[in-house]
């Protein structure tokens, strides 16, 4: 499988550079006013996920697609929960493990596992947290089924990610082939589903009380902040990725902003509950 179609290989390559471009948490920001800096906005998105999760101290949490562990470490440090973060990226696991060790957080551990076939025991977690990783998993239904399987009765799933907000006609796909190619080069192979489809996947997996929220407007300033980071860290990121990749990332922000503005893509939150 080529790197274009293998998320682990892509993220192993870009992780260090993305810490400079996307910020420490490696995900979009939630901008209540639009004036926030990127660290405040990414922390705000994590906070919205925390609010939806309704954590209680001592709970076991599975973080699917844990990146370099920033949200998982925040959960363990601030909320007194025990977190297992999983990702297919060995580089991500190493970075997350180092982060937890430096912070003195034995309750945050990380392993290389596949979110669509995690090999973990049934009903072994109180919460499953999927933060901006599902768009990289083509088998979306299997992902939600695995999340439901490992949840205990009464457990909650919280998920956030990019979503598709309209159908894209075939002719438009052909006309925008280059733009989609730039996005693939910058972010790896991905597929965005409508928010309603996520709700359907959760219900098909046996989850109930499924709630969705569209936060497209609130996430849009993310692209401005990422481009500010390109300007601020171009030399450092170029040394890691090369000039072509930096230019592709910069252009991808323009492309994504246009997709946000024309209603093609956006961002959503999903919560659901497993009944007994």
Protein backbone atom coordinates (compact mmCIF):
# COMPACT_ATOMS: atom_id res chain seq x y z
CA UNK A 1 0.00 0.00 0.00
CA UNK A 2 1.44 3.38 -0.95
CA UNK A 3 2.02 6.18 1.54
CA UNK A 4 -0.85 8.13 -0.02
CA UNK A 5 -3.22 5.43 1.19
CA UNK A 6 -1.56 4.48 4.47
CA UNK A 7 -2.31 6.92 7.29
CA UNK A 8 0.39 5.52 9.60
CA UNK A 9 3.15 6.13 7.05
CA UNK A 10 1.89 9.62 6.33
CA UNK A 11 1.69 10.61 9.98
CA UNK A 12 5.04 9.07 10.83
CA UNK A 13 6.49 11.48 8.25
CA UNK A 14 4.64 14.66 9.21
CA UNK A 15 4.21 14.46 13.00
CA UNK A 16 7.17 16.64 13.98
CA UNK A 17 6.34 19.33 11.42
CA UNK A 18 2.66 19.34 12.31
CA UNK A 19 3.47 20.22 15.89
CA UNK A 20 4.72 23.53 14.49
CA UNK A 21 1.90 24.01 11.96
CA UNK A 22 -1.22 22.66 13.70
CA UNK A 23 -0.16 23.32 17.28
CA UNK A 24 0.49 20.98 20.16
CA UNK A 25 -2.92 19.29 20.05
CA UNK A 26 -2.76 18.51 16.30
CA UNK A 27 -6.40 19.30 15.58
CA UNK A 28 -8.77 22.07 14.53
CA UNK A 29 -9.76 24.89 16.84
CA UNK A 30 -13.15 26.04 18.08
CA UNK A 31 -13.32 29.84 17.81
CA UNK A 32 -16.22 31.28 19.81
CA UNK A 33 -15.36 34.85 18.75
CA UNK A 34 -12.87 34.31 15.92
CA UNK A 35 -10.18 36.29 17.72
CA UNK A 36 -8.67 33.46 19.78
CA UNK A 37 -5.14 32.24 19.18
CA UNK A 38 -4.72 28.66 18.01
CA UNK A 39 -3.75 27.09 21.38
CA UNK A 40 -6.83 28.60 23.03
CA UNK A 41 -9.09 27.44 20.20
CA UNK A 42 -7.75 23.88 20.07
CA UNK A 43 -8.14 23.69 23.85
CA UNK A 44 -11.72 24.93 23.44
CA UNK A 45 -12.55 22.13 21.00
CA UNK A 46 -11.13 19.60 23.44
CA UNK A 47 -13.24 21.20 26.17
CA UNK A 48 -16.41 20.76 24.10
CA UNK A 49 -15.58 17.09 23.71
CA UNK A 50 -15.00 16.85 27.47
CA UNK A 51 -18.37 18.45 28.16
CA UNK A 52 -20.08 15.96 25.85
CA UNK A 53 -18.28 12.99 27.42
CA UNK A 54 -19.43 13.70 31.01
CA UNK A 55 -16.39 12.12 32.57
CA UNK A 56 -16.22 10.87 36.15
CA UNK A 57 -12.97 10.20 38.06
CA UNK A 58 -11.71 6.66 37.78
CA UNK A 59 -13.34 5.90 34.44
CA UNK A 60 -11.47 4.04 31.72
CA UNK A 61 -11.23 5.92 28.41
CA UNK A 62 -10.21 4.67 24.98
CA UNK A 63 -8.75 7.43 22.78
CA UNK A 64 -8.98 6.20 19.18
CA UNK A 65 -6.46 7.95 16.92
CA UNK A 66 -4.62 9.58 19.82
CA UNK A 67 -2.05 11.53 17.79
CA UNK A 68 0.84 12.60 20.01
CA UNK A 69 -1.22 12.29 23.18
CA UNK A 70 -2.02 15.90 24.13
CA UNK A 71 -5.78 15.44 24.69
CA UNK A 72 -5.27 12.06 26.41
CA UNK A 73 -2.76 13.58 28.82
CA UNK A 74 -5.12 16.46 29.54
CA UNK A 75 -7.91 14.02 30.37
CA UNK A 76 -5.69 12.00 32.69
CA UNK A 77 -4.23 15.07 34.41
CA UNK A 78 -7.36 17.18 34.80
CA UNK A 79 -10.18 14.67 35.14
CA UNK A 80 -8.68 11.70 36.97
CA UNK A 81 -9.53 9.17 34.29
CA UNK A 82 -7.37 6.34 33.00
CA UNK A 83 -6.70 6.67 29.25
CA UNK A 84 -5.49 4.17 26.68
CA UNK A 85 -4.59 5.96 23.46
CA UNK A 86 -4.32 3.94 20.26
CA UNK A 87 -3.02 4.83 16.82
CA UNK A 88 -1.51 3.00 13.86
CA UNK A 89 1.48 5.38 13.97
CA UNK A 90 4.49 4.12 15.94
CA UNK A 91 5.91 7.65 15.87
CA UNK A 92 2.72 8.94 17.47
CA UNK A 93 2.84 6.29 20.20
CA UNK A 94 6.47 7.13 20.99
CA UNK A 95 5.70 10.87 21.17
CA UNK A 96 2.60 10.34 23.31
CA UNK A 97 4.40 7.96 25.68
CA UNK A 98 7.19 10.47 26.14
CA UNK A 99 4.67 13.25 26.79
CA UNK A 100 2.90 11.22 29.49
CA UNK A 101 6.20 10.19 31.10
CA UNK A 102 7.46 13.78 31.26
CA UNK A 103 4.16 14.90 32.80
CA UNK A 104 4.22 12.10 35.38
CA UNK A 105 0.97 10.56 34.14
CA UNK A 106 1.02 6.77 34.58
CA UNK A 107 -2.72 6.77 33.87
CA UNK A 108 -2.13 7.70 30.22
CA UNK A 109 -0.71 4.85 28.13
CA UNK A 110 -0.43 4.38 24.38
CA UNK A 111 -0.31 1.41 22.01
CA UNK A 112 -0.15 0.72 18.29
CA UNK A 113 -3.62 -0.59 17.40
CA UNK A 114 -6.15 -0.22 14.60
CA UNK A 115 -9.32 1.62 15.57
CA UNK A 116 -11.39 -0.53 13.21
CA UNK A 117 -10.07 -3.79 14.74
CA UNK A 118 -8.64 -2.87 18.12
CA UNK A 119 -8.44 -6.39 19.64
CA UNK A 120 -9.48 -5.06 23.06
CA UNK A 121 -11.98 -6.86 25.32
CA UNK A 122 -15.71 -6.30 25.08
CA UNK A 123 -17.27 -3.80 27.48
CA UNK A 124 -13.89 -2.67 28.86
CA UNK A 125 -14.20 1.14 28.69
CA UNK A 126 -16.55 3.73 30.14
CA UNK A 127 -15.89 6.28 27.41
CA UNK A 128 -14.61 6.14 23.83
CA UNK A 129 -13.06 9.35 22.48
CA UNK A 130 -12.49 9.75 18.71
CA UNK A 131 -10.98 13.16 18.01
CA UNK A 132 -10.46 14.04 14.38
CA UNK A 133 -9.21 10.63 13.26
CA UNK A 134 -12.22 8.87 11.73
CA UNK A 135 -11.85 10.56 8.31
CA UNK A 136 -8.66 8.52 7.87
CA UNK A 137 -10.45 5.20 8.44
CA UNK A 138 -12.28 4.07 5.28
CA UNK A 139 -14.25 1.41 7.15
CA UNK A 140 -16.27 3.93 9.13
CA UNK A 141 -18.98 1.44 10.07
CA UNK A 142 -16.39 -0.93 11.56
CA UNK A 143 -14.91 1.93 13.55
CA UNK A 144 -18.26 2.76 15.16
CA UNK A 145 -19.00 -0.93 15.72
CA UNK A 146 -15.68 -1.38 17.52
CA UNK A 147 -16.31 1.72 19.63
CA UNK A 148 -19.70 0.34 20.64
CA UNK A 149 -18.30 -3.14 21.32
CA UNK A 150 -15.70 -1.98 23.85
CA UNK A 151 -18.09 0.38 25.67
CA UNK A 152 -19.66 -0.77 28.90
CA UNK A 153 -23.44 -0.39 29.33
CA UNK A 154 -24.13 3.25 30.06
CA UNK A 155 -20.88 4.28 28.40
CA UNK A 156 -20.61 7.24 26.04
CA UNK A 157 -18.99 7.76 22.65
CA UNK A 158 -17.74 11.25 21.76
CA UNK A 159 -16.44 11.98 18.28
CA UNK A 160 -15.50 15.05 16.27
CA UNK A 161 -14.23 15.32 12.72
CA UNK A 162 -14.39 16.88 9.29
CA UNK A 163 -17.67 16.17 7.51
CA UNK A 164 -19.07 16.47 4.00
CA UNK A 165 -21.97 18.91 3.85
CA UNK A 166 -23.15 18.37 0.25
CA UNK A 167 -22.89 15.89 -2.57
CA UNK A 168 -20.10 16.67 -5.04
CA UNK A 169 -21.17 16.00 -8.66
CA UNK A 170 -18.85 13.87 -10.76
CA UNK A 171 -18.08 16.71 -13.17
CA UNK A 172 -17.03 18.94 -10.26
CA UNK A 173 -14.83 16.16 -8.92
CA UNK A 174 -13.07 16.00 -12.26
CA UNK A 175 -12.68 19.76 -12.43
CA UNK A 176 -11.20 19.90 -8.94
CA UNK A 177 -8.88 16.92 -9.28
CA UNK A 178 -5.80 19.04 -8.66
CA UNK A 179 -7.27 20.54 -5.46
CA UNK A 180 -8.11 17.13 -4.07
CA UNK A 181 -4.60 16.00 -4.98
CA UNK A 182 -3.09 18.85 -2.98
CA UNK A 183 -5.23 17.94 0.02
CA UNK A 184 -4.19 14.29 -0.26
CA UNK A 185 -0.52 15.24 -0.45
CA UNK A 186 -0.80 17.50 2.58
CA UNK A 187 -3.08 15.45 4.83
CA UNK A 188 -3.05 11.90 3.48
CA UNK A 189 -5.90 9.94 1.97
CA UNK A 190 -9.22 10.74 3.62
CA UNK A 191 -12.96 10.47 3.16
CA UNK A 192 -15.48 12.83 4.67
CA UNK A 193 -19.00 11.59 5.38
CA UNK A 194 -22.09 13.66 6.21
CA UNK A 195 -22.82 14.21 9.88
CA UNK A 196 -26.08 12.33 9.45
CA UNK A 197 -24.16 9.28 8.26
CA UNK A 198 -22.17 9.23 11.48
CA UNK A 199 -25.44 9.20 13.38
CA UNK A 200 -26.61 6.28 11.25
CA UNK A 201 -23.36 4.36 11.84
CA UNK A 202 -23.71 4.87 15.59
CA UNK A 203 -27.33 3.68 15.59
CA UNK A 204 -26.44 0.66 13.45
CA UNK A 205 -23.78 -0.22 16.04
CA UNK A 206 -26.47 -0.30 18.72
CA UNK A 207 -25.83 3.10 20.28
CA UNK A 208 -28.71 5.33 21.34
CA UNK A 209 -29.42 8.96 22.22
CA UNK A 210 -27.30 10.01 19.26
CA UNK A 211 -26.71 13.77 19.17
CA UNK A 212 -24.93 15.79 16.47
CA UNK A 213 -23.71 19.38 16.28
CA UNK A 214 -22.38 21.29 13.28
CA UNK A 215 -19.51 23.61 14.23
CA UNK A 216 -18.36 24.54 10.72
CA UNK A 217 -18.53 28.28 11.34
CA UNK A 218 -16.62 28.03 14.61
CA UNK A 219 -13.77 26.00 13.11
CA UNK A 220 -13.18 28.13 9.99
CA UNK A 221 -10.53 30.48 11.51
CA UNK A 222 -8.31 27.42 11.96
CA UNK A 223 -6.97 27.86 8.42
CA UNK A 224 -5.84 31.43 9.08
CA UNK A 225 -3.94 30.31 12.17
CA UNK A 226 -2.30 27.42 10.33
CA UNK A 227 -1.10 29.77 7.61
CA UNK A 228 0.26 32.12 10.27
CA UNK A 229 2.29 29.16 11.52
CA UNK A 230 3.55 28.43 8.01
CA UNK A 231 4.89 31.97 7.84
CA UNK A 232 6.38 31.80 11.33
CA UNK A 233 8.02 28.39 11.01
CA UNK A 234 8.65 27.95 7.29
CA UNK A 235 12.40 27.31 7.61
CA UNK A 236 11.99 24.74 10.40
CA UNK A 237 9.17 22.91 8.65
CA UNK A 238 10.97 22.98 5.30
CA UNK A 239 13.95 21.29 6.94
CA UNK A 240 11.65 18.46 8.02
CA UNK A 241 9.28 18.06 5.06
CA UNK A 242 10.88 19.89 2.14
CA UNK A 243 9.75 23.05 0.38
CA UNK A 244 7.20 21.34 -1.88
CA UNK A 245 5.32 19.82 1.07
CA UNK A 246 5.26 23.13 2.91
CA UNK A 247 3.83 24.86 -0.17
CA UNK A 248 1.21 22.11 -0.49
CA UNK A 249 0.18 22.54 3.14
CA UNK A 250 -0.09 26.31 2.68
CA UNK A 251 -2.22 25.91 -0.45
CA UNK A 252 -4.35 23.27 1.24
CA UNK A 253 -5.46 25.88 3.78
CA UNK A 254 -6.79 28.04 0.92
CA UNK A 255 -8.56 25.03 -0.60
CA UNK A 256 -10.15 23.98 2.69
CA UNK A 257 -11.26 27.54 3.43
CA UNK A 258 -13.01 27.65 0.05
CA UNK A 259 -14.68 24.29 0.75
CA UNK A 260 -15.89 25.60 4.11
CA UNK A 261 -17.24 28.75 2.45
CA UNK A 262 -19.08 27.02 -0.40
CA UNK A 263 -20.71 24.46 1.88
CA UNK A 264 -18.78 21.43 0.64
CA UNK A 265 -16.96 20.51 3.83
CA UNK A 266 -17.30 21.39 7.48
CA UNK A 267 -16.90 20.05 10.99
CA UNK A 268 -19.17 18.19 13.37
CA UNK A 269 -19.50 16.62 16.80
CA UNK A 270 -21.27 13.34 17.64
CA UNK A 271 -22.24 11.86 21.00
CA UNK A 272 -24.00 8.56 21.69
CA UNK A 273 -24.75 6.21 24.56
CA UNK A 274 -24.61 2.42 24.96
CA UNK A 275 -27.59 1.05 26.81
CA UNK A 276 -27.46 -2.07 28.95
